[in-house]
N, C-alpha and C. Protein backbone atom coordinates (compact mmCIF):
# COMPACT_ATOMS: atom_id res chain seq x y z
N MET A 1 0.42 -24.72 5.83
CA MET A 1 0.82 -24.08 4.43
C MET A 1 0.20 -22.51 4.42
N VAL A 2 0.92 -21.76 3.74
CA VAL A 2 0.38 -20.30 3.65
C VAL A 2 -0.29 -20.37 2.20
N GLN A 3 -1.42 -19.81 2.12
CA GLN A 3 -2.48 -19.60 1.08
C GLN A 3 -2.21 -18.15 0.61
N HIS A 4 -2.30 -18.07 -0.88
CA HIS A 4 -2.43 -16.81 -1.42
C HIS A 4 -3.81 -16.02 -0.95
N ALA A 5 -3.69 -14.76 -0.82
CA ALA A 5 -4.57 -14.05 -0.39
C ALA A 5 -5.36 -13.73 -1.70
N SER A 6 -6.84 -14.02 -1.70
CA SER A 6 -7.49 -14.06 -2.94
C SER A 6 -7.81 -12.67 -3.64
N ILE A 7 -7.61 -11.50 -2.62
CA ILE A 7 -7.81 -10.26 -3.08
C ILE A 7 -6.79 -9.73 -3.89
N PHE A 8 -5.43 -10.44 -3.61
CA PHE A 8 -4.20 -9.92 -4.16
C PHE A 8 -3.82 -10.68 -5.65
N GLY A 9 -4.74 -11.88 -5.82
CA GLY A 9 -4.35 -12.78 -7.03
C GLY A 9 -3.39 -13.53 -6.32
N ASP A 10 -2.46 -14.16 -7.25
CA ASP A 10 -1.18 -15.29 -7.24
C ASP A 10 0.07 -14.56 -6.91
N ARG A 11 0.30 -13.11 -7.07
CA ARG A 11 1.77 -12.65 -6.83
C ARG A 11 1.92 -12.25 -5.87
N MET A 12 1.12 -12.26 -4.81
CA MET A 12 1.52 -11.91 -3.34
C MET A 12 1.37 -13.10 -2.35
N THR A 13 2.26 -13.56 -1.74
CA THR A 13 2.31 -14.51 -0.82
C THR A 13 2.07 -13.95 0.52
N PRO A 14 1.25 -14.08 1.66
CA PRO A 14 1.26 -13.19 2.68
C PRO A 14 2.35 -13.98 3.52
N ILE A 15 2.66 -13.11 4.63
CA ILE A 15 3.17 -13.70 5.55
C ILE A 15 2.26 -13.96 6.95
N GLU A 16 2.07 -15.24 7.33
CA GLU A 16 0.95 -15.42 8.52
C GLU A 16 1.70 -15.52 9.85
N ILE A 17 1.25 -14.38 10.68
CA ILE A 17 1.67 -14.47 12.16
C ILE A 17 0.66 -14.65 12.90
N ALA A 18 0.36 -15.85 13.94
CA ALA A 18 -0.78 -15.75 14.61
C ALA A 18 -2.06 -15.70 14.08
N GLY A 19 -2.26 -16.30 13.03
CA GLY A 19 -3.40 -16.61 12.24
C GLY A 19 -3.88 -15.33 11.29
N GLN A 20 -2.97 -14.23 11.33
CA GLN A 20 -3.52 -13.25 10.85
C GLN A 20 -2.30 -12.97 9.71
N ARG A 21 -3.03 -12.47 8.35
CA ARG A 21 -2.09 -12.51 7.18
C ARG A 21 -1.46 -10.91 7.07
N TYR A 22 -0.02 -10.90 6.62
CA TYR A 22 0.52 -9.65 6.86
C TYR A 22 1.45 -9.62 5.27
N PHE A 23 1.54 -8.38 4.76
CA PHE A 23 1.97 -8.22 3.52
C PHE A 23 3.19 -7.13 3.86
N THR A 24 4.44 -7.39 3.16
CA THR A 24 5.50 -6.46 3.24
C THR A 24 5.30 -5.05 2.47
N ALA A 25 5.91 -4.13 2.69
CA ALA A 25 5.76 -2.72 2.13
C ALA A 25 6.06 -2.82 0.39
N ASN A 26 6.82 -3.61 0.19
CA ASN A 26 7.15 -4.15 -1.46
C ASN A 26 6.09 -4.77 -2.05
N GLN A 27 5.55 -5.78 -1.30
CA GLN A 27 4.36 -6.18 -1.77
C GLN A 27 3.15 -5.53 -2.08
N VAL A 28 2.97 -4.59 -1.12
CA VAL A 28 1.67 -3.69 -1.00
C VAL A 28 2.07 -2.48 -2.37
N ALA A 29 3.15 -2.07 -2.37
CA ALA A 29 3.54 -1.26 -3.85
C ALA A 29 3.28 -1.73 -5.00
N ASP A 30 3.80 -3.24 -4.61
CA ASP A 30 3.65 -3.84 -6.29
C ASP A 30 2.01 -4.13 -6.41
N THR A 31 1.41 -4.41 -5.62
CA THR A 31 -0.04 -4.41 -5.84
C THR A 31 -0.77 -3.50 -6.16
N LEU A 32 -0.38 -2.16 -5.91
CA LEU A 32 -0.64 -0.69 -6.07
C LEU A 32 -0.37 -0.43 -7.51
N GLY A 33 0.92 -0.92 -7.78
CA GLY A 33 1.34 -0.76 -9.22
C GLY A 33 2.09 0.75 -9.06
N VAL A 34 2.58 1.13 -7.98
CA VAL A 34 3.50 2.08 -7.60
C VAL A 34 4.87 1.75 -7.16
N ASP A 35 5.66 2.77 -7.13
CA ASP A 35 7.03 2.44 -6.76
C ASP A 35 7.25 2.56 -5.45
N ARG A 36 8.01 1.87 -4.72
CA ARG A 36 8.47 1.70 -3.47
C ARG A 36 8.39 2.74 -2.82
N THR A 37 9.20 3.76 -3.15
CA THR A 37 9.36 5.15 -2.87
C THR A 37 8.07 6.01 -2.92
N THR A 38 7.26 5.81 -3.91
CA THR A 38 5.80 6.65 -3.86
C THR A 38 5.22 6.25 -2.65
N PHE A 39 5.06 4.72 -2.52
CA PHE A 39 4.24 4.12 -1.15
C PHE A 39 4.95 4.62 -0.07
N TYR A 40 6.03 4.82 0.26
CA TYR A 40 6.68 5.27 1.26
C TYR A 40 6.53 6.80 1.65
N ARG A 41 6.56 7.57 0.46
CA ARG A 41 6.23 9.15 0.39
C ARG A 41 4.79 9.29 1.00
N TRP A 42 3.79 8.30 0.73
CA TRP A 42 2.40 8.29 0.99
C TRP A 42 2.26 8.03 2.43
N ARG A 43 3.13 6.88 3.03
CA ARG A 43 3.01 6.86 4.44
C ARG A 43 3.60 7.96 5.18
N LYS A 44 4.49 8.52 4.76
CA LYS A 44 5.15 9.94 5.17
C LYS A 44 4.04 10.83 5.61
N LYS A 45 3.21 11.11 4.48
CA LYS A 45 2.45 12.22 4.42
C LYS A 45 1.11 11.59 5.08
N LEU A 46 1.10 10.35 5.84
CA LEU A 46 -0.18 9.89 6.32
C LEU A 46 -1.42 9.74 5.54
N LEU A 47 -1.11 9.24 4.39
CA LEU A 47 -1.82 9.25 3.20
C LEU A 47 -2.71 7.66 2.99
N VAL A 48 -1.59 6.78 3.70
CA VAL A 48 -2.31 5.31 3.48
C VAL A 48 -1.80 4.94 4.94
N PRO A 49 -2.27 3.60 5.41
CA PRO A 49 -1.97 3.11 6.56
C PRO A 49 -0.66 3.04 7.02
N GLN A 50 -0.11 3.30 8.05
CA GLN A 50 1.15 3.00 8.67
C GLN A 50 1.92 1.61 8.45
N GLY A 51 1.25 0.64 8.86
CA GLY A 51 1.46 -0.56 8.90
C GLY A 51 2.05 -0.83 10.32
N GLN A 52 2.85 -1.94 10.61
CA GLN A 52 3.41 -2.39 11.92
C GLN A 52 4.80 -2.94 11.49
N GLU A 53 5.54 -2.55 12.26
CA GLU A 53 6.94 -2.74 12.31
C GLU A 53 7.19 -4.26 13.15
N PHE A 54 7.64 -5.21 12.55
CA PHE A 54 7.66 -6.59 13.08
C PHE A 54 9.09 -6.51 13.95
N ARG A 55 9.30 -7.65 14.49
CA ARG A 55 10.52 -7.64 15.43
C ARG A 55 11.72 -7.52 14.49
N ASP A 56 11.47 -8.19 13.21
CA ASP A 56 12.97 -8.28 12.54
C ASP A 56 13.14 -7.15 11.72
N GLY A 57 12.35 -6.11 12.05
CA GLY A 57 12.48 -4.69 11.55
C GLY A 57 11.60 -4.47 10.01
N ARG A 58 11.05 -5.62 9.69
CA ARG A 58 10.19 -5.69 8.37
C ARG A 58 8.89 -4.80 8.67
N LEU A 59 8.38 -3.81 7.91
CA LEU A 59 7.31 -3.13 7.95
C LEU A 59 6.05 -4.13 7.27
N LEU A 60 5.28 -4.44 8.10
CA LEU A 60 4.07 -5.38 7.79
C LEU A 60 2.43 -4.60 7.66
N PHE A 61 1.92 -5.13 6.67
CA PHE A 61 0.60 -4.55 6.55
C PHE A 61 -0.40 -5.62 6.45
N THR A 62 -1.79 -5.44 7.29
CA THR A 62 -2.92 -6.20 7.12
C THR A 62 -3.65 -6.32 5.75
N GLU A 63 -4.56 -7.41 5.56
CA GLU A 63 -5.22 -7.08 4.37
C GLU A 63 -6.19 -5.75 4.65
N ALA A 64 -6.55 -5.27 5.58
CA ALA A 64 -7.48 -4.11 5.64
C ALA A 64 -6.65 -2.99 5.29
N ASP A 65 -5.21 -2.63 5.76
CA ASP A 65 -4.22 -1.87 5.30
C ASP A 65 -4.17 -1.80 3.98
N VAL A 66 -4.20 -2.94 3.32
CA VAL A 66 -3.77 -3.10 1.70
C VAL A 66 -4.92 -2.59 1.21
N ALA A 67 -6.22 -2.68 1.34
CA ALA A 67 -7.37 -2.38 0.94
C ALA A 67 -7.53 -0.77 1.00
N GLU A 68 -7.23 -0.21 2.08
CA GLU A 68 -7.22 1.22 2.50
C GLU A 68 -6.17 1.79 1.33
N ALA A 69 -5.35 1.21 1.51
CA ALA A 69 -4.20 2.06 0.63
C ALA A 69 -4.47 1.88 -1.06
N ARG A 70 -5.26 0.76 -1.38
CA ARG A 70 -5.54 0.69 -2.67
C ARG A 70 -6.70 1.63 -3.04
N GLU A 71 -7.55 1.88 -2.07
CA GLU A 71 -8.73 2.94 -2.19
C GLU A 71 -8.06 4.31 -2.28
N PHE A 72 -6.83 4.50 -1.57
CA PHE A 72 -6.22 5.82 -2.04
C PHE A 72 -5.68 6.05 -3.26
N ALA A 73 -4.87 4.78 -3.74
CA ALA A 73 -4.39 4.89 -4.88
C ALA A 73 -4.99 4.81 -6.06
N ASN A 74 -6.29 4.16 -6.07
CA ASN A 74 -7.62 4.28 -7.16
C ASN A 74 -8.28 5.62 -7.19
N ARG A 75 -8.10 6.46 -6.23
CA ARG A 75 -8.99 7.85 -6.32
C ARG A 75 -8.60 8.45 -7.67
N ILE A 76 -9.57 9.26 -8.26
CA ILE A 76 -9.60 9.85 -9.51
C ILE A 76 -8.59 11.05 -9.12
N GLY A 77 -7.49 11.23 -10.11
CA GLY A 77 -7.02 12.41 -9.79
C GLY A 77 -5.27 11.90 -9.40
N SER A 78 -4.60 12.76 -9.59
CA SER A 78 -3.07 12.69 -8.87
C SER A 78 -2.84 13.22 -7.47
N GLU A 79 -2.01 12.75 -7.00
CA GLU A 79 -1.40 13.16 -5.68
C GLU A 79 -1.32 14.83 -5.60
N ARG A 80 -0.91 15.14 -6.63
CA ARG A 80 -1.05 16.87 -6.64
C ARG A 80 -2.32 17.35 -6.61
N GLU A 81 -3.51 16.82 -7.29
CA GLU A 81 -4.69 17.21 -7.51
C GLU A 81 -5.12 17.24 -6.22
N GLN A 82 -4.93 16.16 -5.31
CA GLN A 82 -5.68 15.82 -4.00
C GLN A 82 -5.49 16.91 -3.06
N ARG A 83 -4.02 17.32 -3.19
CA ARG A 83 -3.28 18.71 -2.32
C ARG A 83 -3.99 19.75 -2.65
N GLY A 84 -4.24 20.10 -4.10
CA GLY A 84 -4.90 21.22 -4.63
C GLY A 84 -3.78 21.95 -5.15
N GLN A 85 -2.90 21.19 -5.44
CA GLN A 85 -1.53 21.90 -6.01
C GLN A 85 -1.35 21.70 -7.65
N LEU A 86 -2.27 21.00 -8.38
CA LEU A 86 -2.21 20.71 -9.71
C LEU A 86 -2.02 22.00 -10.80
N ARG A 87 -1.18 22.25 -11.24
CA ARG A 87 -1.08 23.54 -12.10
C ARG A 87 -1.23 22.96 -13.65
N LEU A 88 -2.45 23.58 -14.35
CA LEU A 88 -2.78 22.87 -15.39
C LEU A 88 -2.03 24.09 -16.61
N PRO A 89 -1.92 23.51 -17.85
CA PRO A 89 -1.15 24.25 -18.79
C PRO A 89 -2.32 25.12 -19.10
N LEU A 90 -1.69 26.40 -19.76
CA LEU A 90 -2.90 27.34 -20.03
C LEU A 90 -2.94 27.10 -21.67
N ALA A 91 -4.22 27.13 -22.05
CA ALA A 91 -4.90 26.81 -23.51
C ALA A 91 -4.51 28.19 -24.49
């Protein structure tokens, strides 16, 4: 029986392969509270782990990958601030 991963709460049921728990890109984006397109943009820019493509074409992420992505998503400031491109309005 597949158990829910405790660090993600009850909303994400992992896929278990050879004793390792994996999560889909949609599950990761959901747990981070971002749209899937945002998560894929972060992947393209190498800001979060790339995951592994399973033989059926699904992109899967380990718990460590999700934790690393969460760390990035929870950083103070927006993605634009982190790139040094934030434009603040003039007061």
